[in-house]
Protein backbone atom coordinates (compact mmCIF):
# COMPACT_ATOMS: atom_id res chain seq x y z
CA UNK A 1 63.09 11.83 21.81
CA UNK A 2 59.80 13.62 21.31
CA UNK A 3 59.29 15.69 18.20
CA UNK A 4 56.84 18.56 18.09
CA UNK A 5 54.91 19.59 15.00
CA UNK A 6 54.24 23.29 14.56
CA UNK A 7 52.22 23.34 11.35
CA UNK A 8 49.40 21.44 9.80
CA UNK A 9 46.87 21.69 7.02
CA UNK A 10 43.42 23.07 7.81
CA UNK A 11 40.33 22.81 5.61
CA UNK A 12 38.54 26.05 4.83
CA UNK A 13 35.28 24.25 3.92
CA UNK A 14 32.40 25.83 5.86
CA UNK A 15 30.64 23.89 8.57
CA UNK A 16 26.85 23.34 8.44
CA UNK A 17 26.43 26.14 10.94
CA UNK A 18 28.43 28.55 8.79
CA UNK A 19 26.45 27.56 5.70
CA UNK A 20 23.19 28.26 7.54
CA UNK A 21 24.49 31.61 8.79
CA UNK A 22 25.46 32.67 5.29
CA UNK A 23 22.32 31.38 3.55
CA UNK A 24 19.65 32.43 6.01
CA UNK A 25 19.65 36.01 4.71
CA UNK A 26 18.94 34.89 1.15
CA UNK A 27 16.32 32.40 2.34
CA UNK A 28 14.65 35.12 4.39
CA UNK A 29 14.44 37.41 1.36
CA UNK A 30 12.97 34.63 -0.79
CA UNK A 31 10.44 33.76 1.92
CA UNK A 32 9.41 37.41 2.24
CA UNK A 33 8.91 37.67 -1.53
CA UNK A 34 6.79 34.52 -1.61
CA UNK A 35 4.64 35.63 1.34
CA UNK A 36 4.27 39.11 -0.14
CA UNK A 37 3.24 37.67 -3.51
CA UNK A 38 0.63 35.38 -1.96
CA UNK A 39 -0.71 38.19 0.22
CA UNK A 40 -0.83 40.60 -2.70
CA UNK A 41 -2.66 38.06 -4.86
CA UNK A 42 -5.14 37.33 -2.07
CA UNK A 43 -5.85 41.02 -1.49
CA UNK A 44 -6.29 41.72 -5.19
CA UNK A 45 -8.53 38.71 -5.65
CA UNK A 46 -11.02 40.21 -3.24
CA UNK A 47 -11.03 43.78 -4.63
CA UNK A 48 -10.22 43.32 -8.30
CA UNK A 49 -12.61 41.55 -10.66
CA UNK A 50 -9.70 40.54 -12.89
CA UNK A 51 -8.83 40.40 -16.54
CA UNK A 52 -11.61 40.77 -19.13
CA UNK A 53 -14.16 41.40 -16.39
CA UNK A 54 -16.78 43.99 -17.43
CA UNK A 55 -16.83 45.26 -13.84
CA UNK A 56 -13.07 45.95 -13.71
CA UNK A 57 -11.55 49.36 -14.46
CA UNK A 58 -8.01 47.97 -14.43
CA UNK A 59 -5.91 48.20 -17.62
CA UNK A 60 -6.67 44.56 -18.41
CA UNK A 61 -10.31 44.84 -17.42
CA UNK A 62 -13.21 45.43 -19.81
CA UNK A 63 -15.44 47.92 -18.04
CA UNK A 64 -15.02 50.54 -20.78
CA UNK A 65 -16.43 48.40 -23.57
CA UNK A 66 -19.24 47.18 -21.30
CA UNK A 67 -20.26 50.77 -20.50
CA UNK A 68 -20.18 51.72 -24.19
CA UNK A 69 -22.43 48.77 -25.01
CA UNK A 70 -24.89 49.78 -22.28
CA UNK A 71 -24.92 53.32 -23.67
CA UNK A 72 -25.95 51.84 -27.03
CA UNK A 73 -28.88 50.03 -25.41
CA UNK A 74 -27.25 46.60 -25.09
CA UNK A 75 -27.99 44.82 -21.83
CA UNK A 76 -24.88 43.30 -20.29
CA UNK A 77 -25.12 40.51 -17.72
CA UNK A 78 -22.27 38.56 -16.10
CA UNK A 79 -22.33 34.77 -15.77
CA UNK A 80 -19.81 32.93 -13.63
CA UNK A 81 -21.19 29.40 -13.93
CA UNK A 82 -21.99 27.23 -16.91
CA UNK A 83 -25.62 26.89 -15.84
CA UNK A 84 -26.06 30.67 -15.87
CA UNK A 85 -24.40 30.97 -19.28
CA UNK A 86 -26.40 28.24 -20.98
CA UNK A 87 -29.69 29.39 -19.45
CA UNK A 88 -29.21 32.91 -20.87
CA UNK A 89 -28.52 31.86 -24.47
CA UNK A 90 -31.03 32.68 -27.17
CA UNK A 91 -31.42 34.06 -30.70
CA UNK A 92 -31.23 37.66 -29.46
CA UNK A 93 -28.18 37.03 -27.24
CA UNK A 94 -24.43 37.21 -27.75
CA UNK A 95 -22.54 34.83 -25.47
CA UNK A 96 -18.96 36.00 -24.81
CA UNK A 97 -16.72 33.24 -23.38
CA UNK A 98 -13.60 34.91 -21.98
CA UNK A 99 -11.75 31.72 -21.01
CA UNK A 100 -12.82 28.76 -23.15
CA UNK A 101 -9.57 26.94 -22.38
CA UNK A 102 -10.48 26.86 -18.66
CA UNK A 103 -13.57 24.76 -19.34
CA UNK A 104 -13.43 21.01 -18.97
CA UNK A 105 -14.32 18.76 -21.88
CA UNK A 106 -17.82 18.10 -20.57
CA UNK A 107 -18.39 21.83 -19.98
CA UNK A 108 -17.27 22.63 -23.51
CA UNK A 109 -19.64 20.04 -24.97
CA UNK A 110 -22.57 21.34 -22.92
CA UNK A 111 -21.82 24.89 -23.93
CA UNK A 112 -21.58 23.95 -27.61
CA UNK A 113 -24.94 22.17 -27.49
CA UNK A 114 -26.62 25.17 -25.87
CA UNK A 115 -25.01 27.70 -28.21
CA UNK A 116 -25.80 25.69 -31.34
CA UNK A 117 -29.48 25.40 -30.37
CA UNK A 118 -29.83 29.08 -29.45
CA UNK A 119 -29.30 30.54 -32.97
CA UNK A 120 -27.44 33.40 -31.31
CA UNK A 121 -23.80 34.52 -31.48
CA UNK A 122 -21.02 32.89 -29.49
CA UNK A 123 -17.71 34.74 -29.25
CA UNK A 124 -14.71 32.75 -28.02
CA UNK A 125 -11.61 34.60 -26.80
CA UNK A 126 -8.32 32.92 -27.82
CA UNK A 127 -9.50 29.29 -27.70
CA UNK A 128 -6.81 26.62 -27.99
CA UNK A 129 -6.85 23.54 -30.15
CA UNK A 130 -9.08 21.40 -27.92
CA UNK A 131 -11.52 24.25 -27.30
CA UNK A 132 -11.91 25.03 -31.01
CA UNK A 133 -12.57 21.36 -31.83
CA UNK A 134 -15.46 21.25 -29.39
CA UNK A 135 -16.80 24.82 -29.41
CA UNK A 136 -16.11 25.78 -33.04
CA UNK A 137 -16.08 22.59 -35.15
CA UNK A 138 -14.36 23.25 -38.45
CA UNK A 139 -11.80 25.69 -37.03
CA UNK A 140 -8.31 24.64 -35.97
CA UNK A 141 -5.96 26.61 -33.72
CA UNK A 142 -2.49 27.01 -35.18
CA UNK A 143 0.60 28.97 -34.17
CA UNK A 144 0.74 31.98 -31.88
CA UNK A 145 2.06 35.38 -32.95
CA UNK A 146 2.54 38.73 -31.27
CA UNK A 147 -0.38 41.14 -31.27
CA UNK A 148 0.01 44.09 -33.65
CA UNK A 149 -2.04 46.45 -35.79
CA UNK A 150 -3.41 44.34 -38.66
CA UNK A 151 -5.64 45.18 -41.60
CA UNK A 152 -8.95 43.27 -41.86
CA UNK A 153 -8.38 41.91 -45.40
CA UNK A 154 -11.89 40.40 -45.48
CA UNK A 155 -15.49 41.25 -46.39
CA UNK A 156 -16.88 41.12 -42.84
CA UNK A 157 -18.80 44.41 -42.37
CA UNK A 158 -17.71 44.79 -38.74
CA UNK A 159 -14.05 44.36 -39.67
CA UNK A 160 -14.23 46.64 -42.72
CA UNK A 161 -15.95 49.31 -40.66
CA UNK A 162 -13.35 49.12 -37.89
CA UNK A 163 -10.30 48.98 -40.15
CA UNK A 164 -6.91 48.14 -38.63
CA UNK A 165 -7.10 46.71 -35.11
CA UNK A 166 -4.80 45.17 -32.50
CA UNK A 167 -5.13 41.56 -33.56
CA UNK A 168 -2.91 38.52 -33.68
CA UNK A 169 -2.32 36.10 -30.83
CA UNK A 170 -3.61 32.63 -31.68
CA UNK A 171 -4.16 32.15 -35.41
CA UNK A 172 -6.57 29.73 -37.01
CA UNK A 173 -7.34 27.76 -40.14
CA UNK A 174 -10.67 26.54 -41.46
CA UNK A 175 -11.83 24.46 -44.41
CA UNK A 176 -15.46 25.60 -44.14
CA UNK A 177 -16.33 27.60 -47.29
CA UNK A 178 -18.96 29.61 -45.40
CA UNK A 179 -16.46 30.90 -42.81
CA UNK A 180 -15.14 34.46 -42.98
CA UNK A 181 -11.47 34.86 -42.05
CA UNK A 182 -10.11 38.30 -41.12
CA UNK A 183 -6.97 40.01 -39.86
CA UNK A 184 -4.43 37.58 -41.30
CA UNK A 185 -0.83 37.47 -40.13
CA UNK A 186 1.65 35.46 -42.21
CA UNK A 187 -1.31 34.04 -44.10
CA UNK A 188 -3.30 32.85 -41.07
CA UNK A 189 -6.32 34.80 -39.73
CA UNK A 190 -6.77 35.75 -36.11
CA UNK A 191 -10.52 36.36 -36.38
CA UNK A 192 -12.87 33.78 -37.90
CA UNK A 193 -16.67 33.98 -38.14
CA UNK A 194 -18.30 30.58 -38.65
CA UNK A 195 -22.06 30.55 -39.42
CA UNK A 196 -24.14 27.98 -37.53
CA UNK A 197 -27.68 26.75 -37.99
CA UNK A 198 -30.81 28.93 -37.69
CA UNK A 199 -28.99 32.18 -38.36
CA UNK A 200 -26.46 32.02 -35.50
CA UNK A 201 -22.70 32.17 -35.73
CA UNK A 202 -19.52 31.50 -33.77
CA UNK A 203 -16.77 34.14 -33.67
CA UNK A 204 -13.24 33.05 -32.78
CA UNK A 205 -11.02 35.90 -31.59
CA UNK A 206 -7.28 35.22 -31.44
CA UNK A 207 -6.46 37.87 -28.84
CA UNK A 208 -8.38 39.68 -26.07
CA UNK A 209 -6.51 42.98 -26.56
CA UNK A 210 -9.37 44.81 -28.31
CA UNK A 211 -11.50 44.28 -25.17
CA UNK A 212 -8.99 45.66 -22.66
CA UNK A 213 -9.54 49.10 -21.17
CA UNK A 214 -5.98 50.17 -21.97
CA UNK A 215 -6.29 49.25 -25.68
CA UNK A 216 -9.85 50.23 -26.44
CA UNK A 217 -8.94 53.68 -27.80
CA UNK A 218 -6.19 52.34 -30.07
CA UNK A 219 -6.60 51.68 -33.80
CA UNK A 220 -10.14 50.45 -34.60
CA UNK A 221 -10.37 48.33 -31.43
CA UNK A 222 -13.46 50.04 -30.00
CA UNK A 223 -15.39 49.86 -33.27
CA UNK A 224 -14.58 46.20 -33.81
CA UNK A 225 -15.41 45.24 -30.20
CA UNK A 226 -18.72 47.11 -30.21
CA UNK A 227 -19.82 45.61 -33.51
CA UNK A 228 -18.86 42.05 -32.55
CA UNK A 229 -20.49 42.24 -29.11
CA UNK A 230 -23.41 44.50 -30.00
CA UNK A 231 -24.97 42.56 -32.84
CA UNK A 232 -27.74 41.31 -30.49
CA UNK A 233 -29.71 43.25 -27.87
CA UNK A 234 -28.43 41.11 -25.02
CA UNK A 235 -24.83 40.24 -24.09
CA UNK A 236 -23.97 37.47 -21.64
CA UNK A 237 -20.41 37.95 -20.39
CA UNK A 238 -19.32 34.47 -19.29
CA UNK A 239 -16.31 34.38 -16.92
CA UNK A 240 -15.42 30.67 -16.45
CA UNK A 241 -14.34 29.77 -12.95
CA UNK A 242 -12.52 26.78 -11.55
CA UNK A 243 -14.99 26.83 -8.65
CA UNK A 244 -17.95 26.18 -10.96
CA UNK A 245 -19.72 23.01 -9.69
CA UNK A 246 -20.15 21.81 -13.28
CA UNK A 247 -16.34 21.54 -13.58
CA UNK A 248 -16.42 18.53 -11.25
CA UNK A 249 -18.80 16.55 -13.49
CA UNK A 250 -16.94 13.57 -14.91
CA UNK A 251 -16.79 13.14 -18.66
CA UNK A 252 -19.38 10.64 -19.85
CA UNK A 253 -21.69 11.09 -16.85
CA UNK A 254 -25.41 11.63 -17.56
CA UNK A 255 -26.22 15.22 -18.38
CA UNK A 256 -22.69 16.27 -19.31
CA UNK A 257 -23.57 16.75 -22.96
CA UNK A 258 -21.43 13.89 -24.22
CA UNK A 259 -23.89 12.70 -26.83
CA UNK A 260 -23.14 10.83 -30.00
CA UNK A 261 -20.55 12.53 -32.18
CA UNK A 262 -21.68 13.98 -35.49
CA UNK A 263 -20.44 12.51 -38.71
CA UNK A 264 -17.05 13.64 -39.89
CA UNK A 265 -15.55 13.70 -36.41
CA UNK A 266 -16.16 17.41 -35.86
CA UNK A 267 -15.60 17.04 -32.15
CA UNK A 268 -12.19 15.95 -30.98
CA UNK A 269 -11.37 14.73 -27.51
CA UNK A 270 -7.78 15.92 -27.75
CA UNK A 271 -6.54 17.93 -24.81
CA UNK A 272 -6.21 21.70 -24.91
CA UNK A 273 -2.81 23.11 -25.67
CA UNK A 274 -2.94 25.39 -22.64
CA UNK A 275 -0.71 24.30 -19.80
CA UNK A 276 -0.21 25.49 -16.24
CA UNK A 277 2.52 27.91 -17.38
CA UNK A 278 0.09 29.47 -19.86
CA UNK A 279 -2.14 30.43 -16.93
CA UNK A 280 0.68 32.07 -14.95
CA UNK A 281 1.03 35.82 -15.63
CA UNK A 282 4.18 36.69 -17.55
CA UNK A 283 5.35 39.00 -14.75
CA UNK A 284 5.59 36.08 -12.33
CA UNK A 285 7.57 34.04 -14.84
CA UNK A 286 10.06 36.86 -15.36
CA UNK A 287 10.28 37.41 -11.62
CA UNK A 288 11.04 33.72 -11.04
CA UNK A 289 13.71 33.83 -13.74
CA UNK A 290 15.32 36.86 -12.13
CA UNK A 291 15.29 35.22 -8.70
CA UNK A 292 16.92 32.08 -10.16
CA UNK A 293 19.62 34.19 -11.83
CA UNK A 294 20.22 36.07 -8.59
CA UNK A 295 20.56 32.77 -6.70
CA UNK A 296 23.13 31.49 -9.22
CA UNK A 297 25.15 34.71 -9.00
CA UNK A 298 25.03 34.58 -5.19
CA UNK A 299 26.25 30.97 -5.25
CA UNK A 300 29.13 31.90 -7.57
CA UNK A 301 30.01 34.87 -5.37
CA UNK A 302 30.05 32.78 -2.20
CA UNK A 303 31.93 29.92 -3.87
CA UNK A 304 34.84 32.21 -4.68
CA UNK A 305 35.50 32.52 -0.95
CA UNK A 306 36.37 28.82 -0.76
CA UNK A 307 39.97 28.26 -1.80
CA UNK A 308 42.42 25.35 -1.56
CA UNK A 309 43.86 23.97 1.66
CA UNK A 310 46.27 26.38 3.35
CA UNK A 311 49.11 25.80 5.78
CA UNK A 312 48.92 27.62 9.08
CA UNK A 313 50.73 27.47 12.38
CA UNK A 314 48.94 25.50 15.06
CA UNK A 315 47.91 27.45 18.15
CA UNK A 316 49.40 24.77 20.43
CA UNK A 317 52.30 22.32 20.28
CA UNK A 318 51.33 18.73 19.55
CA UNK A 319 53.62 15.80 20.32
CA UNK A 320 54.76 13.88 17.27
CA UNK A 321 53.62 10.63 18.84
CA UNK A 322 50.10 11.98 19.25
CA UNK A 323 50.05 13.15 15.63
CA UNK A 324 51.29 9.76 14.43
CA UNK A 325 48.73 7.94 16.55
CA UNK A 326 45.92 10.12 15.29
CA UNK A 327 46.96 9.61 11.69
CA UNK A 328 47.20 5.86 12.18
CA UNK A 329 43.70 5.78 13.63
CA UNK A 330 42.42 7.59 10.56
CA UNK A 331 44.16 5.05 8.32
CA UNK A 332 42.63 2.22 10.33
CA UNK A 333 39.15 3.75 10.16
CA UNK A 334 39.49 4.02 6.37
CA UNK A 335 40.97 0.50 6.14
CA UNK A 336 43.86 2.06 4.17
CA UNK A 337 46.50 -0.67 4.57
CA UNK A 338 48.04 0.25 1.22
CA UNK A 339 48.74 3.86 2.22
CA UNK A 340 49.95 2.80 5.65
CA UNK A 341 52.41 0.31 4.14
CA UNK A 342 53.65 2.91 1.66
CA UNK A 343 54.20 5.41 4.47
CA UNK A 344 56.10 2.85 6.61
CA UNK A 345 58.32 1.73 3.73
CA UNK A 346 59.03 5.29 2.55
CA UNK A 347 60.06 6.32 6.07
CA UNK A 348 62.31 3.24 6.46
CA UNK A 349 64.01 3.87 3.10
CA UNK A 350 64.59 7.49 4.03
CA UNK A 351 66.31 6.44 7.30
CA UNK A 352 68.23 3.52 5.77
CA UNK A 353 69.76 5.52 2.91
CA UNK A 354 72.25 7.58 4.97
CA UNK A 355 73.10 4.53 7.11
CA UNK A 356 73.98 2.58 3.95
CA UNK A 357 75.86 5.48 2.37
CA UNK A 358 73.24 6.18 -0.29
CA UNK A 359 72.43 9.79 -1.24
CA UNK A 360 69.01 11.00 -0.17
CA UNK A 361 67.94 11.47 -3.78
CA UNK A 362 68.40 7.74 -4.42
CA UNK A 363 66.71 6.54 -1.24
CA UNK A 364 63.67 5.35 -3.18
CA UNK A 365 65.54 3.86 -6.15
CA UNK A 366 65.64 0.05 -5.78
CA UNK A 367 68.73 -0.48 -7.96
CA UNK A 368 70.81 1.87 -5.77
CA UNK A 369 69.38 1.31 -2.29
CA UNK A 370 68.99 -2.47 -2.24
CA UNK A 371 72.68 -3.40 -2.96
CA UNK A 372 73.93 -0.95 -0.33
CA UNK A 373 71.55 -2.26 2.34
CA UNK A 374 72.19 -5.91 1.40
CA UNK A 375 75.93 -5.38 2.04
CA UNK A 376 75.20 -4.38 5.66
CA UNK A 377 72.92 -7.25 6.70
CA UNK A 378 74.00 -10.65 7.95
CA UNK A 379 71.53 -12.56 5.78
CA UNK A 380 72.09 -11.31 2.18
CA UNK A 381 69.54 -13.79 0.83
CA UNK A 382 66.73 -11.92 2.62
CA UNK A 383 64.06 -10.64 0.21
CA UNK A 384 64.78 -6.96 0.74
CA UNK A 385 62.97 -5.91 -2.44
CA UNK A 386 59.68 -7.30 -1.20
CA UNK A 387 60.26 -5.83 2.25
CA UNK A 388 61.12 -2.30 1.06
CA UNK A 389 59.26 -2.07 -2.28
CA UNK A 390 56.61 -4.81 -2.11
CA UNK A 391 52.85 -4.77 -2.40
CA UNK A 392 50.37 -3.78 0.28
CA UNK A 393 49.58 -6.34 3.02
CA UNK A 394 46.19 -8.02 2.72
CA UNK A 395 45.43 -8.16 6.46
CA UNK A 396 46.07 -6.10 9.55
CA UNK A 397 48.27 -8.86 10.96
CA UNK A 398 50.44 -8.76 7.84
CA UNK A 399 50.71 -4.98 8.20
CA UNK A 400 51.90 -5.32 11.80
CA UNK A 401 54.43 -7.96 10.70
CA UNK A 402 55.70 -5.60 8.00
CA UNK A 403 56.23 -2.84 10.56
CA UNK A 404 58.16 -5.23 12.84
CA UNK A 405 60.38 -6.43 9.95
CA UNK A 406 61.17 -2.89 8.86
CA UNK A 407 62.06 -1.94 12.43
CA UNK A 408 64.32 -4.98 12.75
CA UNK A 409 66.07 -4.18 9.44
CA UNK A 410 66.78 -0.61 10.55
CA UNK A 411 68.30 -1.80 13.85
CA UNK A 412 70.48 -4.34 12.03
CA UNK A 413 71.81 -1.81 9.52
CA UNK A 414 72.37 0.80 12.24
CA UNK A 415 74.43 -1.59 14.34
CA UNK A 416 76.34 -3.22 11.47
């Protein structure tokens, strides 16, 4: 007799093709955003001079303060390489370094040597720990704090004349008694003026905000910026660049300025605190975070569509023998002799129970089934417990033997 199965279990897990179909929309959006960002950055890099550039009229540019300095008779020149910056230093020159943290160790040492010998003013914008050790010996970068309107709280004429200004950012400490510390926040100043030899000085500025076009008309920012940058008749606006040939000079090579260290260990070879993430604009970081959150929410939304296995009617009738053969092949492929033996024994017990007069609920109870079956066989000393409730066979041959013995037991009980 041939039995026909009409239902089966079907997995609702998506196939690779379905996963690709569902995910390609999200991947396309992400790809478009990445390409648009790269294109936008490339276009802006060719038309926009960038942050703290005296030629830029953007909110973060510094064209306004540069024009005000020119109106006061200060000559403003832009240097994009270390050679240009060091060649322009002198006692009547202010050297503004907009990105001291971008300079390599050898560049910083060369710049410090040139600035120290010039007897002019060097103004460093938000230098980190390594940059202050090499460009402003005696000053140490400490914690970072938000920029806000701070009072000068010092005797520096430029700061007292400007009054409150948008200061903060990186804060500093110094043990030099000749240094002037201004605009403290939580006890740490964000502007330090350190006198150097021959009448020069080094100014460490914790934040670039007072130089930005968008902040110049706030508080005393314009007054402070003009006094700090206009103390000499010439201003060299140094914009460090990663494409500067001097950046490729290895530390310790001849001409890199790595001379003997002064006593007291003023110069420190420790690395700058700035990392790659510090150089990434905050907008890109927030955008990446939002994209990551959107991806997680999309994954949760799509995962809710995947439920447990469901039972559904098969579209066609399948012979029971074909289903059994297919299942047995799966067992063989998985080498699952234990499950196969359990299935064979459970099926035999289910068929033997009514033949031996045992209720169906006790078909798998050894103490009830075994005595009833033993009474219907010709060899009562046969080990029925091992046959019907034993362990799994260790080999395929033993599994085949088990199936034959179970089949023989059923025939004997049926005909008894």
